[in-house]
Amino acid sequence: MNRPVIAPSVLAADFANLQSEIEMLNRSEADWIHVDVMDGVFVPNISFGLPVTEAIHKHATKPLDVHLMIQKPENYLDEFKKAGASSISVHYEACAHLHRNIHHIKSLDCLAGVAINPHTSVKYLEDIIEELDFVCVMSVNPGYGGQKFIKNTYRKIEQLKEMITDAGSSTLIEIDGGVSLDNARQLIRAGADILVAGSFIFSSSSPTDTISELKHVI
């Protein structure tokens, strides 16, 4: 069993000291830096956009994993690539033309992902699973950090893993929301490849140690 990709979410970082927070992640065993972009329309919160993403990229030595929780994400894909994104995920629920959006992301030389909300069945990805580099399974309702993990996520991961295997695909499974040392091992055993954690990491007494513990949890 491979070690998971750890992607700390900077939504939970100290924005008054953003540069030092990014430099801490650079020194840590984190693999990616997860950037949650919210528009206050698709989700009931506003986080940050292109200028902050550019500022993060300026100091980051790890790839930026940009999660677009916004309406009409296709209007901003090129801009987020220019801002420093290495991977971009768009929400199934926000895309009228998902296949077109995924190929647009790939044309930018970014990893292409689709995120699904807790109420969205994985079966809706069956016709596109082979096109995806990863699926971001939301294990909380998107919009705010620090929420309680939804246990039905384990079943969704198992269903998704079976779909990926049946398709002969190498698509990765990313889990976003409520990830901690209490559930990380079970998530990996269910089939998760990438763990996104925000408040669990940044609110700990030693974020670098917490990242290391998640990285080596198995």
N, C-alpha and C. Protein backbone atom coordinates (compact mmCIF):
# COMPACT_ATOMS: atom_id res chain seq x y z
N MET A 1 0.84 -1.19 0.00
CA MET A 1 0.00 0.00 0.00
C MET A 1 0.88 1.25 0.00
N ASN A 2 0.67 2.13 -0.99
CA ASN A 2 1.48 3.33 -1.09
C ASN A 2 1.08 4.36 -0.05
N ARG A 3 2.03 5.22 0.31
CA ARG A 3 1.71 6.32 1.21
C ARG A 3 0.84 7.33 0.48
N PRO A 4 -0.09 7.94 1.20
CA PRO A 4 -1.00 8.89 0.54
C PRO A 4 -0.30 10.19 0.18
N VAL A 5 -0.85 10.86 -0.82
CA VAL A 5 -0.48 12.23 -1.13
C VAL A 5 -1.16 13.12 -0.09
N ILE A 6 -0.40 13.96 0.59
CA ILE A 6 -0.96 14.86 1.60
C ILE A 6 -1.03 16.28 1.04
N ALA A 7 -2.24 16.85 1.07
CA ALA A 7 -2.48 18.17 0.48
C ALA A 7 -3.12 19.09 1.52
N PRO A 8 -2.31 19.77 2.33
CA PRO A 8 -2.87 20.70 3.32
C PRO A 8 -3.67 21.82 2.65
N SER A 9 -4.84 22.09 3.21
CA SER A 9 -5.69 23.15 2.67
C SER A 9 -5.38 24.47 3.34
N VAL A 10 -4.94 25.44 2.55
CA VAL A 10 -4.56 26.74 3.11
C VAL A 10 -5.77 27.59 3.49
N LEU A 11 -6.97 27.06 3.27
CA LEU A 11 -8.16 27.75 3.76
C LEU A 11 -8.08 27.94 5.28
N ALA A 12 -7.37 27.02 5.95
CA ALA A 12 -7.25 27.07 7.41
C ALA A 12 -5.96 27.74 7.87
N ALA A 13 -5.17 28.26 6.94
CA ALA A 13 -3.90 28.89 7.31
C ALA A 13 -4.13 30.27 7.94
N ASP A 14 -3.08 30.80 8.55
CA ASP A 14 -3.11 32.15 9.12
C ASP A 14 -2.82 33.13 7.98
N PHE A 15 -3.84 33.81 7.51
CA PHE A 15 -3.67 34.68 6.34
C PHE A 15 -2.85 35.92 6.64
N ALA A 16 -2.74 36.27 7.92
CA ALA A 16 -1.91 37.41 8.28
C ALA A 16 -0.42 37.06 8.18
N ASN A 17 -0.13 35.76 8.12
CA ASN A 17 1.25 35.28 8.00
C ASN A 17 1.33 34.23 6.90
N LEU A 18 0.73 34.53 5.76
CA LEU A 18 0.59 33.54 4.70
C LEU A 18 1.94 33.07 4.18
N GLN A 19 2.88 33.97 4.00
CA GLN A 19 4.19 33.56 3.48
C GLN A 19 4.85 32.54 4.41
N SER A 20 4.83 32.79 5.69
CA SER A 20 5.48 31.86 6.63
C SER A 20 4.74 30.53 6.68
N GLU A 21 3.42 30.57 6.50
CA GLU A 21 2.65 29.32 6.47
C GLU A 21 3.04 28.49 5.24
N ILE A 22 3.19 29.14 4.09
CA ILE A 22 3.59 28.42 2.87
C ILE A 22 5.02 27.89 3.01
N GLU A 23 5.89 28.68 3.61
CA GLU A 23 7.27 28.22 3.81
C GLU A 23 7.32 27.03 4.76
N MET A 24 6.41 27.00 5.75
CA MET A 24 6.32 25.84 6.64
C MET A 24 5.90 24.61 5.84
N LEU A 25 4.93 24.75 4.94
CA LEU A 25 4.50 23.63 4.11
C LEU A 25 5.62 23.17 3.19
N ASN A 26 6.42 24.11 2.69
CA ASN A 26 7.56 23.75 1.84
C ASN A 26 8.54 22.84 2.60
N ARG A 27 8.74 23.11 3.88
CA ARG A 27 9.68 22.32 4.69
C ARG A 27 9.09 20.99 5.13
N SER A 28 7.79 20.87 5.06
CA SER A 28 7.10 19.68 5.58
C SER A 28 7.11 18.55 4.56
N GLU A 29 6.47 17.44 4.94
CA GLU A 29 6.32 16.29 4.04
C GLU A 29 5.07 16.38 3.18
N ALA A 30 4.42 17.55 3.18
CA ALA A 30 3.27 17.75 2.29
C ALA A 30 3.69 17.55 0.84
N ASP A 31 2.79 17.00 0.05
CA ASP A 31 3.06 16.77 -1.37
C ASP A 31 2.50 17.89 -2.24
N TRP A 32 1.27 18.29 -1.96
CA TRP A 32 0.60 19.35 -2.68
C TRP A 32 0.16 20.42 -1.68
N ILE A 33 -0.22 21.58 -2.19
CA ILE A 33 -0.87 22.62 -1.40
C ILE A 33 -2.26 22.83 -2.00
N HIS A 34 -3.27 22.57 -1.19
CA HIS A 34 -4.66 22.62 -1.65
C HIS A 34 -5.22 24.03 -1.49
N VAL A 35 -5.75 24.58 -2.58
CA VAL A 35 -6.25 25.96 -2.60
C VAL A 35 -7.75 25.94 -2.89
N ASP A 36 -8.56 26.24 -1.89
CA ASP A 36 -10.01 26.24 -2.03
C ASP A 36 -10.50 27.61 -2.47
N VAL A 37 -11.07 27.68 -3.67
CA VAL A 37 -11.59 28.93 -4.22
C VAL A 37 -13.11 28.89 -4.16
N MET A 38 -13.72 29.83 -3.42
CA MET A 38 -15.17 29.87 -3.23
C MET A 38 -15.72 31.21 -3.68
N ASP A 39 -16.90 31.17 -4.29
CA ASP A 39 -17.45 32.40 -4.89
C ASP A 39 -18.64 32.99 -4.16
N GLY A 40 -19.10 32.34 -3.09
CA GLY A 40 -20.28 32.84 -2.39
C GLY A 40 -21.58 32.58 -3.12
N VAL A 41 -21.52 31.88 -4.25
CA VAL A 41 -22.71 31.54 -5.03
C VAL A 41 -22.88 30.03 -5.07
N PHE A 42 -21.88 29.34 -5.59
CA PHE A 42 -21.95 27.88 -5.61
C PHE A 42 -21.91 27.31 -4.19
N VAL A 43 -21.14 27.95 -3.32
CA VAL A 43 -21.10 27.59 -1.90
C VAL A 43 -21.36 28.85 -1.07
N PRO A 44 -21.87 28.70 0.15
CA PRO A 44 -22.25 29.87 0.95
C PRO A 44 -21.08 30.49 1.70
N ASN A 45 -20.01 30.75 0.99
CA ASN A 45 -18.85 31.38 1.61
C ASN A 45 -17.99 31.96 0.49
N ILE A 46 -17.19 32.96 0.83
CA ILE A 46 -16.22 33.54 -0.10
C ILE A 46 -14.84 33.35 0.51
N SER A 47 -13.93 32.77 -0.24
CA SER A 47 -12.59 32.54 0.31
C SER A 47 -11.60 33.51 -0.32
N PHE A 48 -11.02 33.13 -1.43
CA PHE A 48 -10.04 33.98 -2.13
C PHE A 48 -10.01 33.58 -3.59
N GLY A 49 -9.34 34.39 -4.38
CA GLY A 49 -9.32 34.13 -5.81
C GLY A 49 -7.94 34.18 -6.40
N LEU A 50 -7.83 34.80 -7.56
CA LEU A 50 -6.58 34.78 -8.31
C LEU A 50 -5.42 35.47 -7.61
N PRO A 51 -5.58 36.67 -7.03
CA PRO A 51 -4.43 37.35 -6.41
C PRO A 51 -3.80 36.54 -5.27
N VAL A 52 -4.63 35.92 -4.44
CA VAL A 52 -4.08 35.13 -3.33
C VAL A 52 -3.43 33.86 -3.86
N THR A 53 -4.04 33.25 -4.87
CA THR A 53 -3.42 32.06 -5.48
C THR A 53 -2.06 32.41 -6.05
N GLU A 54 -1.94 33.55 -6.71
CA GLU A 54 -0.65 34.01 -7.24
C GLU A 54 0.36 34.23 -6.12
N ALA A 55 -0.10 34.80 -5.00
CA ALA A 55 0.78 35.05 -3.87
C ALA A 55 1.28 33.74 -3.26
N ILE A 56 0.39 32.76 -3.16
CA ILE A 56 0.79 31.44 -2.65
C ILE A 56 1.84 30.82 -3.57
N HIS A 57 1.57 30.88 -4.87
CA HIS A 57 2.49 30.29 -5.85
C HIS A 57 3.86 30.94 -5.81
N LYS A 58 3.89 32.21 -5.52
CA LYS A 58 5.16 32.95 -5.46
C LYS A 58 6.11 32.35 -4.44
N HIS A 59 5.57 31.83 -3.34
CA HIS A 59 6.40 31.31 -2.25
C HIS A 59 6.43 29.78 -2.19
N ALA A 60 5.53 29.11 -2.89
CA ALA A 60 5.41 27.66 -2.78
C ALA A 60 6.44 26.92 -3.63
N THR A 61 6.95 25.84 -3.08
CA THR A 61 7.80 24.93 -3.84
C THR A 61 7.06 23.62 -4.12
N LYS A 62 5.83 23.50 -3.61
CA LYS A 62 5.01 22.31 -3.85
C LYS A 62 3.92 22.67 -4.88
N PRO A 63 3.42 21.67 -5.62
CA PRO A 63 2.38 21.94 -6.61
C PRO A 63 1.10 22.47 -5.96
N LEU A 64 0.43 23.40 -6.64
CA LEU A 64 -0.83 23.94 -6.15
C LEU A 64 -2.00 23.14 -6.74
N ASP A 65 -2.82 22.62 -5.84
CA ASP A 65 -4.00 21.84 -6.18
C ASP A 65 -5.21 22.77 -6.00
N VAL A 66 -5.70 23.34 -7.08
CA VAL A 66 -6.74 24.36 -7.01
C VAL A 66 -8.12 23.73 -7.16
N HIS A 67 -8.94 23.92 -6.14
CA HIS A 67 -10.29 23.35 -6.07
C HIS A 67 -11.28 24.49 -6.29
N LEU A 68 -11.91 24.51 -7.46
CA LEU A 68 -12.82 25.59 -7.82
C LEU A 68 -14.24 25.27 -7.38
N MET A 69 -14.65 25.86 -6.27
CA MET A 69 -16.03 25.73 -5.77
C MET A 69 -16.79 26.97 -6.23
N ILE A 70 -16.95 27.07 -7.56
CA ILE A 70 -17.52 28.28 -8.16
C ILE A 70 -18.44 27.91 -9.32
N GLN A 71 -19.36 28.83 -9.61
CA GLN A 71 -20.19 28.69 -10.80
C GLN A 71 -19.37 29.04 -12.04
N LYS A 72 -19.70 28.41 -13.13
CA LYS A 72 -19.04 28.66 -14.43
C LYS A 72 -17.51 28.63 -14.32
N PRO A 73 -16.94 27.55 -13.80
CA PRO A 73 -15.48 27.48 -13.65
C PRO A 73 -14.73 27.60 -14.96
N GLU A 74 -15.40 27.24 -16.06
CA GLU A 74 -14.74 27.29 -17.37
C GLU A 74 -14.26 28.70 -17.72
N ASN A 75 -14.86 29.71 -17.10
CA ASN A 75 -14.47 31.10 -17.39
C ASN A 75 -13.15 31.50 -16.75
N TYR A 76 -12.63 30.65 -15.84
CA TYR A 76 -11.46 31.03 -15.05
C TYR A 76 -10.29 30.04 -15.13
N LEU A 77 -10.44 29.00 -15.94
CA LEU A 77 -9.42 27.95 -15.98
C LEU A 77 -8.07 28.49 -16.43
N ASP A 78 -8.05 29.26 -17.50
CA ASP A 78 -6.78 29.81 -18.01
C ASP A 78 -6.11 30.70 -16.98
N GLU A 79 -6.92 31.50 -16.29
CA GLU A 79 -6.37 32.43 -15.30
C GLU A 79 -5.75 31.71 -14.12
N PHE A 80 -6.39 30.62 -13.67
CA PHE A 80 -5.83 29.88 -12.53
C PHE A 80 -4.58 29.11 -12.93
N LYS A 81 -4.51 28.68 -14.17
CA LYS A 81 -3.26 28.10 -14.66
C LYS A 81 -2.14 29.14 -14.61
N LYS A 82 -2.42 30.34 -15.09
CA LYS A 82 -1.43 31.42 -15.06
C LYS A 82 -1.05 31.80 -13.63
N ALA A 83 -2.01 31.63 -12.70
CA ALA A 83 -1.75 31.97 -11.30
C ALA A 83 -0.91 30.92 -10.59
N GLY A 84 -0.70 29.76 -11.25
CA GLY A 84 0.20 28.78 -10.68
C GLY A 84 -0.36 27.40 -10.42
N ALA A 85 -1.58 27.12 -10.84
CA ALA A 85 -2.18 25.82 -10.59
C ALA A 85 -1.45 24.70 -11.32
N SER A 86 -1.21 23.61 -10.60
CA SER A 86 -0.68 22.38 -11.22
C SER A 86 -1.78 21.37 -11.47
N SER A 87 -2.81 21.42 -10.62
CA SER A 87 -3.99 20.59 -10.81
C SER A 87 -5.21 21.45 -10.53
N ILE A 88 -6.29 21.18 -11.25
CA ILE A 88 -7.53 21.94 -11.10
C ILE A 88 -8.69 20.97 -11.04
N SER A 89 -9.54 21.14 -10.03
CA SER A 89 -10.77 20.34 -9.98
C SER A 89 -11.97 21.27 -10.07
N VAL A 90 -12.97 20.85 -10.83
CA VAL A 90 -14.23 21.57 -10.98
C VAL A 90 -15.34 20.68 -10.44
N HIS A 91 -16.42 21.28 -10.02
CA HIS A 91 -17.52 20.50 -9.45
C HIS A 91 -18.44 19.96 -10.53
N TYR A 92 -18.78 18.70 -10.40
CA TYR A 92 -19.77 18.08 -11.29
C TYR A 92 -21.05 18.90 -11.31
N GLU A 93 -21.45 19.38 -10.13
CA GLU A 93 -22.71 20.08 -9.98
C GLU A 93 -22.70 21.48 -10.62
N ALA A 94 -21.52 21.99 -10.95
CA ALA A 94 -21.39 23.35 -11.49
C ALA A 94 -21.12 23.36 -12.99
N CYS A 95 -21.02 22.20 -13.62
CA CYS A 95 -20.60 22.13 -15.01
C CYS A 95 -21.69 21.56 -15.92
N ALA A 96 -22.15 22.38 -16.84
CA ALA A 96 -23.10 21.90 -17.84
C ALA A 96 -22.40 21.06 -18.90
N HIS A 97 -21.12 21.34 -19.12
CA HIS A 97 -20.35 20.63 -20.14
C HIS A 97 -19.06 20.10 -19.51
N LEU A 98 -19.21 19.07 -18.70
CA LEU A 98 -18.09 18.58 -17.90
C LEU A 98 -16.95 18.04 -18.77
N HIS A 99 -17.26 17.27 -19.78
CA HIS A 99 -16.24 16.70 -20.66
C HIS A 99 -15.39 17.80 -21.28
N ARG A 100 -16.04 18.85 -21.74
CA ARG A 100 -15.33 19.98 -22.35
C ARG A 100 -14.41 20.67 -21.32
N ASN A 101 -14.93 20.84 -20.11
CA ASN A 101 -14.14 21.47 -19.04
C ASN A 101 -12.90 20.66 -18.71
N ILE A 102 -13.05 19.34 -18.63
CA ILE A 102 -11.92 18.46 -18.29
C ILE A 102 -10.85 18.55 -19.38
N HIS A 103 -11.25 18.54 -20.62
CA HIS A 103 -10.26 18.61 -21.70
C HIS A 103 -9.62 20.00 -21.78
N HIS A 104 -10.34 21.02 -21.38
CA HIS A 104 -9.76 22.36 -21.30
C HIS A 104 -8.64 22.37 -20.26
N ILE A 105 -8.91 21.78 -19.09
CA ILE A 105 -7.89 21.72 -18.03
C ILE A 105 -6.67 20.95 -18.53
N LYS A 106 -6.89 19.83 -19.17
CA LYS A 106 -5.77 19.03 -19.68
C LYS A 106 -4.97 19.79 -20.73
N SER A 107 -5.65 20.61 -21.53
CA SER A 107 -4.95 21.39 -22.55
C SER A 107 -4.02 22.43 -21.95
N LEU A 108 -4.25 22.75 -20.67
CA LEU A 108 -3.40 23.71 -19.95
C LEU A 108 -2.22 23.02 -19.28
N ASP A 109 -2.10 21.72 -19.51
CA ASP A 109 -1.03 20.91 -18.91
C ASP A 109 -1.18 20.85 -17.38
N CYS A 110 -2.42 20.80 -16.93
CA CYS A 110 -2.72 20.59 -15.51
C CYS A 110 -3.39 19.23 -15.33
N LEU A 111 -3.23 18.65 -14.13
CA LEU A 111 -4.02 17.48 -13.80
C LEU A 111 -5.48 17.91 -13.69
N ALA A 112 -6.38 17.08 -14.22
CA ALA A 112 -7.79 17.45 -14.28
C ALA A 112 -8.60 16.58 -13.32
N GLY A 113 -9.38 17.25 -12.46
CA GLY A 113 -10.19 16.53 -11.50
C GLY A 113 -11.63 17.00 -11.48
N VAL A 114 -12.50 16.13 -11.00
CA VAL A 114 -13.90 16.48 -10.77
C VAL A 114 -14.20 16.28 -9.30
N ALA A 115 -14.81 17.29 -8.69
CA ALA A 115 -15.24 17.20 -7.30
C ALA A 115 -16.73 16.90 -7.26
N ILE A 116 -17.14 16.09 -6.27
CA ILE A 116 -18.56 15.80 -6.10
C ILE A 116 -18.97 16.08 -4.65
N ASN A 117 -20.14 16.68 -4.51
CA ASN A 117 -20.69 16.98 -3.20
C ASN A 117 -21.16 15.72 -2.49
N PRO A 118 -21.37 15.77 -1.17
CA PRO A 118 -21.77 14.57 -0.43
C PRO A 118 -23.04 13.89 -0.96
N HIS A 119 -23.97 14.68 -1.51
CA HIS A 119 -25.23 14.09 -1.98
C HIS A 119 -25.15 13.55 -3.40
N THR A 120 -24.04 13.75 -4.08
CA THR A 120 -23.90 13.34 -5.48
C THR A 120 -23.33 11.93 -5.57
N SER A 121 -24.02 11.06 -6.30
CA SER A 121 -23.59 9.68 -6.45
C SER A 121 -22.38 9.58 -7.39
N VAL A 122 -21.48 8.67 -7.08
CA VAL A 122 -20.32 8.46 -7.94
C VAL A 122 -20.71 7.91 -9.30
N LYS A 123 -21.91 7.34 -9.41
CA LYS A 123 -22.33 6.73 -10.68
C LYS A 123 -22.39 7.76 -11.81
N TYR A 124 -22.55 9.04 -11.46
CA TYR A 124 -22.63 10.07 -12.49
C TYR A 124 -21.29 10.31 -13.19
N LEU A 125 -20.22 9.72 -12.66
CA LEU A 125 -18.89 9.89 -13.26
C LEU A 125 -18.50 8.71 -14.14
N GLU A 126 -19.39 7.74 -14.25
CA GLU A 126 -19.05 6.50 -14.95
C GLU A 126 -18.61 6.74 -16.40
N ASP A 127 -19.26 7.68 -17.08
CA ASP A 127 -18.96 7.91 -18.50
C ASP A 127 -17.73 8.78 -18.72
N ILE A 128 -17.16 9.31 -17.65
CA ILE A 128 -16.00 10.20 -17.81
C ILE A 128 -14.82 9.77 -16.97
N ILE A 129 -14.95 8.70 -16.20
CA ILE A 129 -13.93 8.32 -15.23
C ILE A 129 -12.56 8.11 -15.87
N GLU A 130 -12.53 7.56 -17.08
CA GLU A 130 -11.25 7.30 -17.74
C GLU A 130 -10.55 8.58 -18.18
N GLU A 131 -11.29 9.68 -18.25
CA GLU A 131 -10.71 10.96 -18.68
C GLU A 131 -10.08 11.73 -17.52
N LEU A 132 -10.36 11.29 -16.27
CA LEU A 132 -9.99 12.08 -15.10
C LEU A 132 -8.66 11.64 -14.51
N ASP A 133 -7.88 12.62 -14.06
CA ASP A 133 -6.67 12.31 -13.31
C ASP A 133 -7.01 12.02 -11.86
N PHE A 134 -8.05 12.67 -11.34
CA PHE A 134 -8.47 12.40 -9.97
C PHE A 134 -9.92 12.83 -9.77
N VAL A 135 -10.54 12.23 -8.75
CA VAL A 135 -11.87 12.62 -8.30
C VAL A 135 -11.75 13.12 -6.87
N CYS A 136 -12.27 14.30 -6.61
CA CYS A 136 -12.27 14.87 -5.26
C CYS A 136 -13.63 14.59 -4.63
N VAL A 137 -13.64 13.68 -3.66
CA VAL A 137 -14.88 13.33 -2.96
C VAL A 137 -15.02 14.23 -1.74
N MET A 138 -16.04 15.07 -1.74
CA MET A 138 -16.28 15.94 -0.60
C MET A 138 -16.87 15.11 0.55
N SER A 139 -16.18 15.11 1.67
CA SER A 139 -16.63 14.36 2.84
C SER A 139 -17.24 15.28 3.89
N VAL A 140 -17.46 16.54 3.52
CA VAL A 140 -18.27 17.50 4.26
C VAL A 140 -19.02 18.32 3.21
N ASN A 141 -20.03 19.07 3.63
CA ASN A 141 -20.69 19.97 2.70
C ASN A 141 -19.77 21.15 2.42
N PRO A 142 -19.47 21.43 1.16
CA PRO A 142 -18.46 22.44 0.84
C PRO A 142 -18.88 23.84 1.26
N GLY A 143 -17.88 24.62 1.65
CA GLY A 143 -18.13 26.02 1.99
C GLY A 143 -17.39 26.48 3.23
N TYR A 144 -17.20 25.58 4.20
CA TYR A 144 -16.55 25.98 5.45
C TYR A 144 -15.61 24.88 5.93
N GLY A 145 -14.51 25.29 6.55
CA GLY A 145 -13.58 24.33 7.14
C GLY A 145 -14.05 23.89 8.51
N GLY A 146 -13.42 22.83 9.02
CA GLY A 146 -13.67 22.38 10.38
C GLY A 146 -14.96 21.61 10.60
N GLN A 147 -15.59 21.13 9.52
CA GLN A 147 -16.85 20.40 9.66
C GLN A 147 -16.61 18.93 10.00
N LYS A 148 -17.68 18.30 10.48
CA LYS A 148 -17.61 16.89 10.86
C LYS A 148 -17.64 16.00 9.62
N PHE A 149 -16.79 15.00 9.61
CA PHE A 149 -16.67 14.03 8.51
C PHE A 149 -17.97 13.24 8.34
N ILE A 150 -18.41 13.09 7.07
CA ILE A 150 -19.62 12.31 6.76
C ILE A 150 -19.22 10.86 6.49
N LYS A 151 -19.72 9.94 7.32
CA LYS A 151 -19.25 8.55 7.30
C LYS A 151 -19.62 7.80 6.03
N ASN A 152 -20.66 8.23 5.33
CA ASN A 152 -21.03 7.56 4.07
C ASN A 152 -19.92 7.67 3.02
N THR A 153 -18.94 8.52 3.29
CA THR A 153 -17.82 8.71 2.36
C THR A 153 -17.08 7.40 2.11
N TYR A 154 -16.94 6.57 3.14
CA TYR A 154 -16.22 5.30 2.96
C TYR A 154 -16.86 4.46 1.86
N ARG A 155 -18.18 4.38 1.88
CA ARG A 155 -18.90 3.59 0.87
C ARG A 155 -18.71 4.19 -0.51
N LYS A 156 -18.72 5.52 -0.60
CA LYS A 156 -18.54 6.17 -1.90
C LYS A 156 -17.14 5.91 -2.45
N ILE A 157 -16.15 5.90 -1.57
CA ILE A 157 -14.78 5.62 -2.02
C ILE A 157 -14.70 4.21 -2.59
N GLU A 158 -15.29 3.24 -1.88
CA GLU A 158 -15.26 1.84 -2.34
C GLU A 158 -15.96 1.70 -3.69
N GLN A 159 -17.10 2.36 -3.86
CA GLN A 159 -17.81 2.31 -5.13
C GLN A 159 -16.98 2.94 -6.26
N LEU A 160 -16.37 4.05 -5.95
CA LEU A 160 -15.55 4.75 -6.93
C LEU A 160 -14.33 3.94 -7.31
N LYS A 161 -13.70 3.32 -6.32
CA LYS A 161 -12.52 2.49 -6.58
C LYS A 161 -12.88 1.32 -7.48
N GLU A 162 -14.04 0.72 -7.25
CA GLU A 162 -14.49 -0.39 -8.10
C GLU A 162 -14.73 0.09 -9.52
N MET A 163 -15.33 1.27 -9.67
CA MET A 163 -15.57 1.85 -11.00
C MET A 163 -14.25 2.10 -11.73
N ILE A 164 -13.28 2.64 -11.03
CA ILE A 164 -11.98 2.94 -11.62
C ILE A 164 -11.28 1.66 -12.07
N THR A 165 -11.32 0.64 -11.20
CA THR A 165 -10.70 -0.65 -11.52
C THR A 165 -11.37 -1.29 -12.73
N ASP A 166 -12.69 -1.28 -12.76
CA ASP A 166 -13.43 -1.87 -13.87
C ASP A 166 -13.12 -1.17 -15.19
N ALA A 167 -12.84 0.13 -15.11
CA ALA A 167 -12.53 0.89 -16.32
C ALA A 167 -11.07 0.76 -16.73
N GLY A 168 -10.27 0.12 -15.89
CA GLY A 168 -8.84 0.00 -16.17
C GLY A 168 -8.15 1.35 -16.13
N SER A 169 -8.67 2.25 -15.31
CA SER A 169 -8.16 3.61 -15.24
C SER A 169 -7.16 3.77 -14.10
N SER A 170 -6.36 4.81 -14.17
CA SER A 170 -5.40 5.12 -13.11
C SER A 170 -5.85 6.35 -12.30
N THR A 171 -7.13 6.70 -12.42
CA THR A 171 -7.69 7.86 -11.71
C THR A 171 -7.46 7.73 -10.21
N LEU A 172 -7.02 8.83 -9.60
CA LEU A 172 -6.78 8.86 -8.16
C LEU A 172 -8.03 9.37 -7.43
N ILE A 173 -8.14 9.02 -6.15
CA ILE A 173 -9.26 9.45 -5.32
C ILE A 173 -8.75 10.38 -4.24
N GLU A 174 -9.29 11.60 -4.24
CA GLU A 174 -8.93 12.62 -3.27
C GLU A 174 -10.09 12.81 -2.29
N ILE A 175 -9.78 12.92 -1.01
CA ILE A 175 -10.80 13.14 0.01
C ILE A 175 -10.60 14.51 0.63
N ASP A 176 -11.68 15.28 0.67
CA ASP A 176 -11.60 16.67 1.15
C ASP A 176 -12.69 16.92 2.18
N GLY A 177 -12.26 17.11 3.45
CA GLY A 177 -13.21 17.48 4.49
C GLY A 177 -13.19 16.56 5.69
N GLY A 178 -12.86 17.10 6.85
CA GLY A 178 -12.91 16.33 8.08
C GLY A 178 -11.87 15.24 8.19
N VAL A 179 -10.81 15.31 7.40
CA VAL A 179 -9.75 14.30 7.45
C VAL A 179 -8.88 14.53 8.68
N SER A 180 -8.60 13.44 9.39
CA SER A 180 -7.75 13.51 10.59
C SER A 180 -7.08 12.16 10.78
N LEU A 181 -6.28 12.05 11.82
CA LEU A 181 -5.65 10.77 12.12
C LEU A 181 -6.67 9.73 12.56
N ASP A 182 -7.86 10.17 12.97
CA ASP A 182 -8.90 9.24 13.39
C ASP A 182 -9.47 8.44 12.22
N ASN A 183 -9.44 9.02 11.01
CA ASN A 183 -10.07 8.33 9.88
C ASN A 183 -9.13 8.11 8.69
N ALA A 184 -7.91 8.64 8.75
CA ALA A 184 -7.01 8.57 7.60
C ALA A 184 -6.70 7.14 7.18
N ARG A 185 -6.43 6.29 8.14
CA ARG A 185 -6.08 4.90 7.82
C ARG A 185 -7.25 4.20 7.13
N GLN A 186 -8.45 4.41 7.64
CA GLN A 186 -9.63 3.77 7.05
C GLN A 186 -9.91 4.32 5.65
N LEU A 187 -9.68 5.60 5.46
CA LEU A 187 -9.87 6.19 4.14
C LEU A 187 -8.93 5.57 3.12
N ILE A 188 -7.69 5.37 3.51
CA ILE A 188 -6.70 4.79 2.61
C ILE A 188 -7.05 3.34 2.30
N ARG A 189 -7.47 2.62 3.32
CA ARG A 189 -7.86 1.22 3.11
C ARG A 189 -9.06 1.09 2.19
N ALA A 190 -9.95 2.08 2.24
CA ALA A 190 -11.13 2.08 1.37
C ALA A 190 -10.75 2.37 -0.07
N GLY A 191 -9.60 3.05 -0.29
CA GLY A 191 -9.14 3.32 -1.65
C GLY A 191 -8.69 4.73 -1.91
N ALA A 192 -8.65 5.59 -0.88
CA ALA A 192 -8.22 6.97 -1.08
C ALA A 192 -6.73 7.05 -1.37
N ASP A 193 -6.36 7.99 -2.24
CA ASP A 193 -4.96 8.21 -2.62
C ASP A 193 -4.43 9.55 -2.14
N ILE A 194 -5.31 10.54 -2.03
CA ILE A 194 -4.93 11.92 -1.69
C ILE A 194 -5.78 12.38 -0.52
N LEU A 195 -5.14 12.89 0.52
CA LEU A 195 -5.87 13.38 1.70
C LEU A 195 -5.68 14.88 1.82
N VAL A 196 -6.80 15.60 1.81
CA VAL A 196 -6.79 17.05 2.03
C VAL A 196 -7.18 17.29 3.48
N ALA A 197 -6.38 18.05 4.19
CA ALA A 197 -6.69 18.39 5.58
C ALA A 197 -6.35 19.85 5.82
N GLY A 198 -7.25 20.56 6.49
CA GLY A 198 -7.04 21.97 6.75
C GLY A 198 -6.89 22.29 8.21
N SER A 199 -8.00 22.44 8.91
CA SER A 199 -7.96 22.83 10.32
C SER A 199 -7.24 21.80 11.18
N PHE A 200 -7.32 20.52 10.81
CA PHE A 200 -6.63 19.49 11.59
C PHE A 200 -5.13 19.72 11.59
N ILE A 201 -4.60 20.19 10.46
CA ILE A 201 -3.17 20.46 10.35
C ILE A 201 -2.82 21.80 10.98
N PHE A 202 -3.50 22.86 10.54
CA PHE A 202 -3.08 24.21 10.93
C PHE A 202 -3.42 24.57 12.37
N SER A 203 -4.37 23.85 12.98
CA SER A 203 -4.70 24.13 14.37
C SER A 203 -3.91 23.25 15.35
N SER A 204 -3.08 22.36 14.81
CA SER A 204 -2.29 21.49 15.67
C SER A 204 -1.09 22.25 16.24
N SER A 205 -0.53 21.73 17.33
CA SER A 205 0.61 22.40 17.96
C SER A 205 1.86 22.35 17.10
N SER A 206 1.95 21.34 16.22
CA SER A 206 3.07 21.23 15.29
C SER A 206 2.56 20.75 13.94
N PRO A 207 2.19 21.68 13.05
CA PRO A 207 1.66 21.28 11.75
C PRO A 207 2.58 20.34 10.96
N THR A 208 3.89 20.56 11.03
CA THR A 208 4.80 19.69 10.26
C THR A 208 4.77 18.26 10.79
N ASP A 209 4.67 18.11 12.11
CA ASP A 209 4.57 16.77 12.70
C ASP A 209 3.25 16.12 12.32
N THR A 210 2.18 16.90 12.32
CA THR A 210 0.85 16.37 11.96
C THR A 210 0.84 15.90 10.51
N ILE A 211 1.45 16.69 9.62
CA ILE A 211 1.56 16.29 8.22
C ILE A 211 2.34 14.98 8.11
N SER A 212 3.42 14.87 8.84
CA SER A 212 4.23 13.65 8.82
C SER A 212 3.44 12.45 9.31
N GLU A 213 2.65 12.65 10.35
CA GLU A 213 1.84 11.55 10.90
C GLU A 213 0.80 11.10 9.87
N LEU A 214 0.20 12.04 9.17
CA LEU A 214 -0.77 11.67 8.12
C LEU A 214 -0.06 10.93 6.98
N LYS A 215 1.12 11.40 6.63
CA LYS A 215 1.87 10.80 5.52
C LYS A 215 2.24 9.35 5.83
N HIS A 216 2.53 9.07 7.10
CA HIS A 216 3.00 7.74 7.47
C HIS A 216 1.96 6.95 8.27
N VAL A 217 0.71 7.32 8.15
CA VAL A 217 -0.35 6.72 8.97
C VAL A 217 -0.50 5.23 8.74
N ILE A 218 -0.13 4.75 7.55
CA ILE A 218 -0.27 3.31 7.28
C ILE A 218 0.99 2.55 7.67
